[in-house]
Amino acid sequence: MQRYVDKKPSVKDTTWTRIFHYYTVQVMESDQFCEFYKLVADGERPKYFFGESAWMDVQRMAVDKVGEKGYTVFNR
């Protein structure tokens, strides 16, 4: 069960579930914390997003990487 926290959680304290994958880009959601996402693109370091605008920021980054298909990150 996810829980809300006031400050960005430690990356090592969470596990991830992949919610989007398109070619070289993966978006993952934290299993333990709400509003905490990770974007992994091949050949780059993972980017972490946390907070109220995290969903919008991770979607914007996905669109930058893969184009319009990135808008489907949260279409579940």
PDB file of N, CA and C in Angstrom:
ATOM      1  N   MET A   1       0.838  -1.189   0.000  1.00  0.00           N
ATOM      2  CA  MET A   1       0.000   0.000   0.000  1.00  0.00           C
ATOM      3  C   MET A   1       0.876   1.244   0.000  1.00  0.00           C
ATOM      4  N   GLN A   2       0.553   2.168  -0.856  1.00  0.00           N
ATOM      5  CA  GLN A   2       1.325   3.399  -0.932  1.00  0.00           C
ATOM      6  C   GLN A   2       0.915   4.355   0.180  1.00  0.00           C
ATOM      7  N   ARG A   3       1.888   5.166   0.603  1.00  0.00           N
ATOM      8  CA  ARG A   3       1.587   6.168   1.620  1.00  0.00           C
ATOM      9  C   ARG A   3       2.174   7.508   1.211  1.00  0.00           C
ATOM     10  N   TYR A   4       1.592   8.565   1.724  1.00  0.00           N
ATOM     11  CA  TYR A   4       2.061   9.915   1.439  1.00  0.00           C
ATOM     12  C   TYR A   4       3.168  10.276   2.421  1.00  0.00           C
ATOM     13  N   VAL A   5       4.189  10.972   1.925  1.00  0.00           N
ATOM     14  CA  VAL A   5       5.271  11.465   2.767  1.00  0.00           C
ATOM     15  C   VAL A   5       5.537  12.923   2.403  1.00  0.00           C
ATOM     16  N   ASP A   6       6.144  13.660   3.340  1.00  0.00           N
ATOM     17  CA  ASP A   6       6.373  15.092   3.141  1.00  0.00           C
ATOM     18  C   ASP A   6       7.634  15.400   2.347  1.00  0.00           C
ATOM     19  N   LYS A   7       8.632  14.546   2.458  1.00  0.00           N
ATOM     20  CA  LYS A   7       9.870  14.816   1.724  1.00  0.00           C
ATOM     21  C   LYS A   7      10.213  13.629   0.829  1.00  0.00           C
ATOM     22  N   LYS A   8      11.071  13.876  -0.128  1.00  0.00           N
ATOM     23  CA  LYS A   8      11.421  12.848  -1.105  1.00  0.00           C
ATOM     24  C   LYS A   8      12.012  11.635  -0.399  1.00  0.00           C
ATOM     25  N   PRO A   9      11.433  10.460  -0.635  1.00  0.00           N
ATOM     26  CA  PRO A   9      11.937   9.242   0.013  1.00  0.00           C
ATOM     27  C   PRO A   9      13.284   8.814  -0.565  1.00  0.00           C
ATOM     28  N   SER A  10      13.966   7.997   0.159  1.00  0.00           N
ATOM     29  CA  SER A  10      15.218   7.428  -0.318  1.00  0.00           C
ATOM     30  C   SER A  10      14.920   6.406  -1.408  1.00  0.00           C
ATOM     31  N   VAL A  11      15.699   6.438  -2.460  1.00  0.00           N
ATOM     32  CA  VAL A  11      15.508   5.523  -3.582  1.00  0.00           C
ATOM     33  C   VAL A  11      15.706   4.079  -3.134  1.00  0.00           C
ATOM     34  N   LYS A  12      16.628   3.854  -2.228  1.00  0.00           N
ATOM     35  CA  LYS A  12      16.908   2.486  -1.789  1.00  0.00           C
ATOM     36  C   LYS A  12      15.807   1.909  -0.889  1.00  0.00           C
ATOM     37  N   ASP A  13      14.877   2.766  -0.429  1.00  0.00           N
ATOM     38  CA  ASP A  13      13.792   2.314   0.448  1.00  0.00           C
ATOM     39  C   ASP A  13      12.526   1.917  -0.309  1.00  0.00           C
ATOM     40  N   THR A  14      12.593   1.829  -1.619  1.00  0.00           N
ATOM     41  CA  THR A  14      11.393   1.520  -2.383  1.00  0.00           C
ATOM     42  C   THR A  14      11.664   0.463  -3.439  1.00  0.00           C
ATOM     43  N   THR A  15      10.582  -0.161  -3.863  1.00  0.00           N
ATOM     44  CA  THR A  15      10.627  -1.054  -5.016  1.00  0.00           C
ATOM     45  C   THR A  15       9.747  -0.411  -6.086  1.00  0.00           C
ATOM     46  N   TRP A  16       9.924  -0.835  -7.318  1.00  0.00           N
ATOM     47  CA  TRP A  16       9.276  -0.159  -8.432  1.00  0.00           C
ATOM     48  C   TRP A  16       8.433  -1.124  -9.259  1.00  0.00           C
ATOM     49  N   THR A  17       7.343  -0.590  -9.808  1.00  0.00           N
ATOM     50  CA  THR A  17       6.494  -1.310 -10.750  1.00  0.00           C
ATOM     51  C   THR A  17       6.478  -0.513 -12.050  1.00  0.00           C
ATOM     52  N   ARG A  18       6.769  -1.199 -13.148  1.00  0.00           N
ATOM     53  CA  ARG A  18       6.787  -0.515 -14.443  1.00  0.00           C
ATOM     54  C   ARG A  18       5.358  -0.233 -14.888  1.00  0.00           C
ATOM     55  N   ILE A  19       5.083   1.029 -15.208  1.00  0.00           N
ATOM     56  CA  ILE A  19       3.750   1.420 -15.647  1.00  0.00           C
ATOM     57  C   ILE A  19       3.725   1.835 -17.113  1.00  0.00           C
ATOM     58  N   PHE A  20       4.905   2.018 -17.731  1.00  0.00           N
ATOM     59  CA  PHE A  20       4.979   2.432 -19.133  1.00  0.00           C
ATOM     60  C   PHE A  20       6.304   1.957 -19.704  1.00  0.00           C
ATOM     61  N   HIS A  21       6.243   1.456 -20.930  1.00  0.00           N
ATOM     62  CA  HIS A  21       7.454   1.038 -21.626  1.00  0.00           C
ATOM     63  C   HIS A  21       7.250   1.273 -23.109  1.00  0.00           C
ATOM     64  N   TYR A  22       8.156   1.988 -23.728  1.00  0.00           N
ATOM     65  CA  TYR A  22       8.092   2.224 -25.167  1.00  0.00           C
ATOM     66  C   TYR A  22       9.512   2.343 -25.687  1.00  0.00           C
ATOM     67  N   TYR A  23       9.924   1.374 -26.470  1.00  0.00           N
ATOM     68  CA  TYR A  23      11.281   1.275 -27.000  1.00  0.00           C
ATOM     69  C   TYR A  23      12.314   1.407 -25.882  1.00  0.00           C
ATOM     70  N   THR A  24      13.011   2.519 -25.790  1.00  0.00           N
ATOM     71  CA  THR A  24      14.127   2.635 -24.852  1.00  0.00           C
ATOM     72  C   THR A  24      13.755   3.356 -23.556  1.00  0.00           C
ATOM     73  N   VAL A  25      12.492   3.668 -23.359  1.00  0.00           N
ATOM     74  CA  VAL A  25      12.073   4.432 -22.177  1.00  0.00           C
ATOM     75  C   VAL A  25      11.136   3.598 -21.314  1.00  0.00           C
ATOM     76  N   GLN A  26      11.393   3.619 -20.009  1.00  0.00           N
ATOM     77  CA  GLN A  26      10.527   2.959 -19.031  1.00  0.00           C
ATOM     78  C   GLN A  26      10.163   3.974 -17.952  1.00  0.00           C
ATOM     79  N   VAL A  27       8.911   3.957 -17.538  1.00  0.00           N
ATOM     80  CA  VAL A  27       8.473   4.772 -16.409  1.00  0.00           C
ATOM     81  C   VAL A  27       8.006   3.814 -15.334  1.00  0.00           C
ATOM     82  N   MET A  28       8.490   4.044 -14.117  1.00  0.00           N
ATOM     83  CA  MET A  28       8.140   3.174 -12.994  1.00  0.00           C
ATOM     84  C   MET A  28       7.538   3.996 -11.868  1.00  0.00           C
ATOM     85  N   GLU A  29       6.653   3.344 -11.125  1.00  0.00           N
ATOM     86  CA  GLU A  29       5.992   3.968  -9.988  1.00  0.00           C
ATOM     87  C   GLU A  29       6.424   3.248  -8.714  1.00  0.00           C
ATOM     88  N   SER A  30       6.653   4.016  -7.660  1.00  0.00           N
ATOM     89  CA  SER A  30       7.041   3.435  -6.378  1.00  0.00           C
ATOM     90  C   SER A  30       5.916   2.587  -5.810  1.00  0.00           C
ATOM     91  N   ASP A  31       6.272   1.441  -5.246  1.00  0.00           N
ATOM     92  CA  ASP A  31       5.292   0.573  -4.598  1.00  0.00           C
ATOM     93  C   ASP A  31       4.943   1.057  -3.190  1.00  0.00           C
ATOM     94  N   GLN A  32       5.844   1.813  -2.567  1.00  0.00           N
ATOM     95  CA  GLN A  32       5.650   2.229  -1.178  1.00  0.00           C
ATOM     96  C   GLN A  32       5.171   3.663  -1.013  1.00  0.00           C
ATOM     97  N   PHE A  33       5.491   4.549  -1.960  1.00  0.00           N
ATOM     98  CA  PHE A  33       5.229   5.977  -1.767  1.00  0.00           C
ATOM     99  C   PHE A  33       4.393   6.556  -2.903  1.00  0.00           C
ATOM    100  N   CYS A  34       3.417   7.374  -2.559  1.00  0.00           N
ATOM    101  CA  CYS A  34       2.591   8.050  -3.563  1.00  0.00           C
ATOM    102  C   CYS A  34       3.391   9.173  -4.211  1.00  0.00           C
ATOM    103  N   GLU A  35       3.079   9.451  -5.460  1.00  0.00           N
ATOM    104  CA  GLU A  35       3.681  10.562  -6.185  1.00  0.00           C
ATOM    105  C   GLU A  35       5.208  10.472  -6.277  1.00  0.00           C
ATOM    106  N   PHE A  36       5.736   9.264  -6.492  1.00  0.00           N
ATOM    107  CA  PHE A  36       7.174   9.050  -6.630  1.00  0.00           C
ATOM    108  C   PHE A  36       7.382   8.167  -7.853  1.00  0.00           C
ATOM    109  N   TYR A  37       8.060   8.698  -8.870  1.00  0.00           N
ATOM    110  CA  TYR A  37       8.240   8.017 -10.147  1.00  0.00           C
ATOM    111  C   TYR A  37       9.707   8.011 -10.557  1.00  0.00           C
ATOM    112  N   LYS A  38      10.031   7.049 -11.415  1.00  0.00           N
ATOM    113  CA  LYS A  38      11.385   6.934 -11.961  1.00  0.00           C
ATOM    114  C   LYS A  38      11.275   6.744 -13.466  1.00  0.00           C
ATOM    115  N   LEU A  39      12.064   7.501 -14.219  1.00  0.00           N
ATOM    116  CA  LEU A  39      12.122   7.355 -15.668  1.00  0.00           C
ATOM    117  C   LEU A  39      13.514   6.866 -16.030  1.00  0.00           C
ATOM    118  N   VAL A  40      13.574   5.767 -16.783  1.00  0.00           N
ATOM    119  CA  VAL A  40      14.840   5.190 -17.204  1.00  0.00           C
ATOM    120  C   VAL A  40      14.868   5.178 -18.728  1.00  0.00           C
ATOM    121  N   ALA A  41      15.884   5.826 -19.292  1.00  0.00           N
ATOM    122  CA  ALA A  41      16.089   5.807 -20.742  1.00  0.00           C
ATOM    123  C   ALA A  41      17.444   5.159 -20.998  1.00  0.00           C
ATOM    124  N   ASP A  42      17.521   4.316 -22.024  1.00  0.00           N
ATOM    125  CA  ASP A  42      18.773   3.620 -22.326  1.00  0.00           C
ATOM    126  C   ASP A  42      19.921   4.610 -22.484  1.00  0.00           C
ATOM    127  N   GLY A  43      21.043   4.297 -21.843  1.00  0.00           N
ATOM    128  CA  GLY A  43      22.249   5.113 -21.956  1.00  0.00           C
ATOM    129  C   GLY A  43      22.262   6.336 -21.068  1.00  0.00           C
ATOM    130  N   GLU A  44      21.241   6.523 -20.224  1.00  0.00           N
ATOM    131  CA  GLU A  44      21.176   7.677 -19.330  1.00  0.00           C
ATOM    132  C   GLU A  44      20.943   7.228 -17.893  1.00  0.00           C
ATOM    133  N   ARG A  45      21.297   8.096 -16.965  1.00  0.00           N
ATOM    134  CA  ARG A  45      21.021   7.806 -15.560  1.00  0.00           C
ATOM    135  C   ARG A  45      19.530   7.938 -15.296  1.00  0.00           C
ATOM    136  N   PRO A  46      18.982   7.170 -14.366  1.00  0.00           N
ATOM    137  CA  PRO A  46      17.556   7.292 -14.036  1.00  0.00           C
ATOM    138  C   PRO A  46      17.230   8.682 -13.504  1.00  0.00           C
ATOM    139  N   LYS A  47      16.047   9.156 -13.814  1.00  0.00           N
ATOM    140  CA  LYS A  47      15.562  10.438 -13.299  1.00  0.00           C
ATOM    141  C   LYS A  47      14.405  10.136 -12.355  1.00  0.00           C
ATOM    142  N   TYR A  48      14.394  10.812 -11.217  1.00  0.00           N
ATOM    143  CA  TYR A  48      13.376  10.592 -10.203  1.00  0.00           C
ATOM    144  C   TYR A  48      12.502  11.831 -10.079  1.00  0.00           C
ATOM    145  N   PHE A  49      11.193  11.614  -9.896  1.00  0.00           N
ATOM    146  CA  PHE A  49      10.236  12.694  -9.786  1.00  0.00           C
ATOM    147  C   PHE A  49       9.391  12.451  -8.544  1.00  0.00           C
ATOM    148  N   PHE A  50       9.208  13.505  -7.745  1.00  0.00           N
ATOM    149  CA  PHE A  50       8.452  13.379  -6.504  1.00  0.00           C
ATOM    150  C   PHE A  50       7.620  14.632  -6.272  1.00  0.00           C
ATOM    151  N   GLY A  51       6.435  14.450  -5.748  1.00  0.00           N
ATOM    152  CA  GLY A  51       5.594  15.574  -5.353  1.00  0.00           C
ATOM    153  C   GLY A  51       4.333  15.694  -6.179  1.00  0.00           C
ATOM    154  N   GLU A  52       3.614  16.792  -5.926  1.00  0.00           N
ATOM    155  CA  GLU A  52       2.318  16.999  -6.557  1.00  0.00           C
ATOM    156  C   GLU A  52       2.391  17.027  -8.078  1.00  0.00           C
ATOM    157  N   SER A  53       3.434  17.592  -8.619  1.00  0.00           N
ATOM    158  CA  SER A  53       3.544  17.718 -10.077  1.00  0.00           C
ATOM    159  C   SER A  53       4.391  16.609 -10.697  1.00  0.00           C
ATOM    160  N   ALA A  54       4.722  15.601  -9.932  1.00  0.00           N
ATOM    161  CA  ALA A  54       5.601  14.536 -10.434  1.00  0.00           C
ATOM    162  C   ALA A  54       5.009  13.825 -11.641  1.00  0.00           C
ATOM    163  N   TRP A  55       3.706  13.530 -11.615  1.00  0.00           N
ATOM    164  CA  TRP A  55       3.086  12.819 -12.736  1.00  0.00           C
ATOM    165  C   TRP A  55       3.194  13.633 -14.022  1.00  0.00           C
ATOM    166  N   MET A  56       3.027  14.948 -13.914  1.00  0.00           N
ATOM    167  CA  MET A  56       3.105  15.813 -15.086  1.00  0.00           C
ATOM    168  C   MET A  56       4.549  15.920 -15.575  1.00  0.00           C
ATOM    169  N   ASP A  57       5.487  16.013 -14.650  1.00  0.00           N
ATOM    170  CA  ASP A  57       6.901  16.120 -15.019  1.00  0.00           C
ATOM    171  C   ASP A  57       7.413  14.852 -15.688  1.00  0.00           C
ATOM    172  N   VAL A  58       7.043  13.689 -15.165  1.00  0.00           N
ATOM    173  CA  VAL A  58       7.502  12.435 -15.757  1.00  0.00           C
ATOM    174  C   VAL A  58       6.859  12.230 -17.126  1.00  0.00           C
ATOM    175  N   GLN A  59       5.610  12.630 -17.271  1.00  0.00           N
ATOM    176  CA  GLN A  59       4.956  12.515 -18.573  1.00  0.00           C
ATOM    177  C   GLN A  59       5.614  13.451 -19.589  1.00  0.00           C
ATOM    178  N   ARG A  60       5.943  14.660 -19.186  1.00  0.00           N
ATOM    179  CA  ARG A  60       6.606  15.615 -20.076  1.00  0.00           C
ATOM    180  C   ARG A  60       7.962  15.071 -20.534  1.00  0.00           C
ATOM    181  N   MET A  61       8.705  14.459 -19.615  1.00  0.00           N
ATOM    182  CA  MET A  61      10.007  13.893 -19.962  1.00  0.00           C
ATOM    183  C   MET A  61       9.834  12.716 -20.926  1.00  0.00           C
ATOM    184  N   ALA A  62       8.819  11.898 -20.706  1.00  0.00           N
ATOM    185  CA  ALA A  62       8.553  10.772 -21.609  1.00  0.00           C
ATOM    186  C   ALA A  62       8.204  11.275 -23.008  1.00  0.00           C
ATOM    187  N   VAL A  63       7.408  12.318 -23.093  1.00  0.00           N
ATOM    188  CA  VAL A  63       7.055  12.891 -24.394  1.00  0.00           C
ATOM    189  C   VAL A  63       8.304  13.435 -25.077  1.00  0.00           C
ATOM    190  N   ASP A  64       9.188  14.065 -24.333  1.00  0.00           N
ATOM    191  CA  ASP A  64      10.435  14.566 -24.907  1.00  0.00           C
ATOM    192  C   ASP A  64      11.278  13.432 -25.477  1.00  0.00           C
ATOM    193  N   LYS A  65      11.246  12.270 -24.831  1.00  0.00           N
ATOM    194  CA  LYS A  65      12.078  11.136 -25.248  1.00  0.00           C
ATOM    195  C   LYS A  65      11.483  10.339 -26.404  1.00  0.00           C
ATOM    196  N   VAL A  66      10.151  10.097 -26.384  1.00  0.00           N
ATOM    197  CA  VAL A  66       9.558   9.196 -27.382  1.00  0.00           C
ATOM    198  C   VAL A  66       8.468   9.833 -28.237  1.00  0.00           C
ATOM    199  N   GLY A  67       8.176  11.088 -28.031  1.00  0.00           N
ATOM    200  CA  GLY A  67       7.145  11.736 -28.826  1.00  0.00           C
ATOM    201  C   GLY A  67       5.761  11.564 -28.228  1.00  0.00           C
ATOM    202  N   GLU A  68       4.742  11.690 -29.068  1.00  0.00           N
ATOM    203  CA  GLU A  68       3.352  11.697 -28.605  1.00  0.00           C
ATOM    204  C   GLU A  68       2.938  10.428 -27.866  1.00  0.00           C
ATOM    205  N   LYS A  69       3.593   9.314 -28.119  1.00  0.00           N
ATOM    206  CA  LYS A  69       3.269   8.075 -27.411  1.00  0.00           C
ATOM    207  C   LYS A  69       3.477   8.244 -25.903  1.00  0.00           C
ATOM    208  N   GLY A  70       4.328   9.187 -25.492  1.00  0.00           N
ATOM    209  CA  GLY A  70       4.576   9.446 -24.085  1.00  0.00           C
ATOM    210  C   GLY A  70       3.370   9.962 -23.335  1.00  0.00           C
ATOM    211  N   TYR A  71       2.374  10.507 -24.051  1.00  0.00           N
ATOM    212  CA  TYR A  71       1.158  10.985 -23.383  1.00  0.00           C
ATOM    213  C   TYR A  71       0.338   9.846 -22.787  1.00  0.00           C
ATOM    214  N   THR A  72       0.638   8.611 -23.153  1.00  0.00           N
ATOM    215  CA  THR A  72      -0.126   7.462 -22.653  1.00  0.00           C
ATOM    216  C   THR A  72       0.453   6.864 -21.372  1.00  0.00           C
ATOM    217  N   VAL A  73       1.412   7.541 -20.764  1.00  0.00           N
ATOM    218  CA  VAL A  73       2.038   7.022 -19.540  1.00  0.00           C
ATOM    219  C   VAL A  73       0.996   6.657 -18.494  1.00  0.00           C
ATOM    220  N   PHE A  74       0.008   7.494 -18.275  1.00  0.00           N
ATOM    221  CA  PHE A  74      -0.959   7.272 -17.198  1.00  0.00           C
ATOM    222  C   PHE A  74      -2.307   6.771 -17.701  1.00  0.00           C
ATOM    223  N   ASN A  75      -2.362   6.295 -18.921  1.00  0.00           N
ATOM    224  CA  ASN A  75      -3.597   5.691 -19.447  1.00  0.00           C
ATOM    225  C   ASN A  75      -3.611   4.210 -19.082  1.00  0.00           C
ATOM    226  N   ARG A  76      -4.171   3.885 -17.943  1.00  0.00           N
ATOM    227  CA  ARG A  76      -4.219   2.486 -17.510  1.00  0.00           C
ATOM    228  C   ARG A  76      -5.614   1.969 -17.542  1.00  0.00           C
TER     229      ARG A  76
END
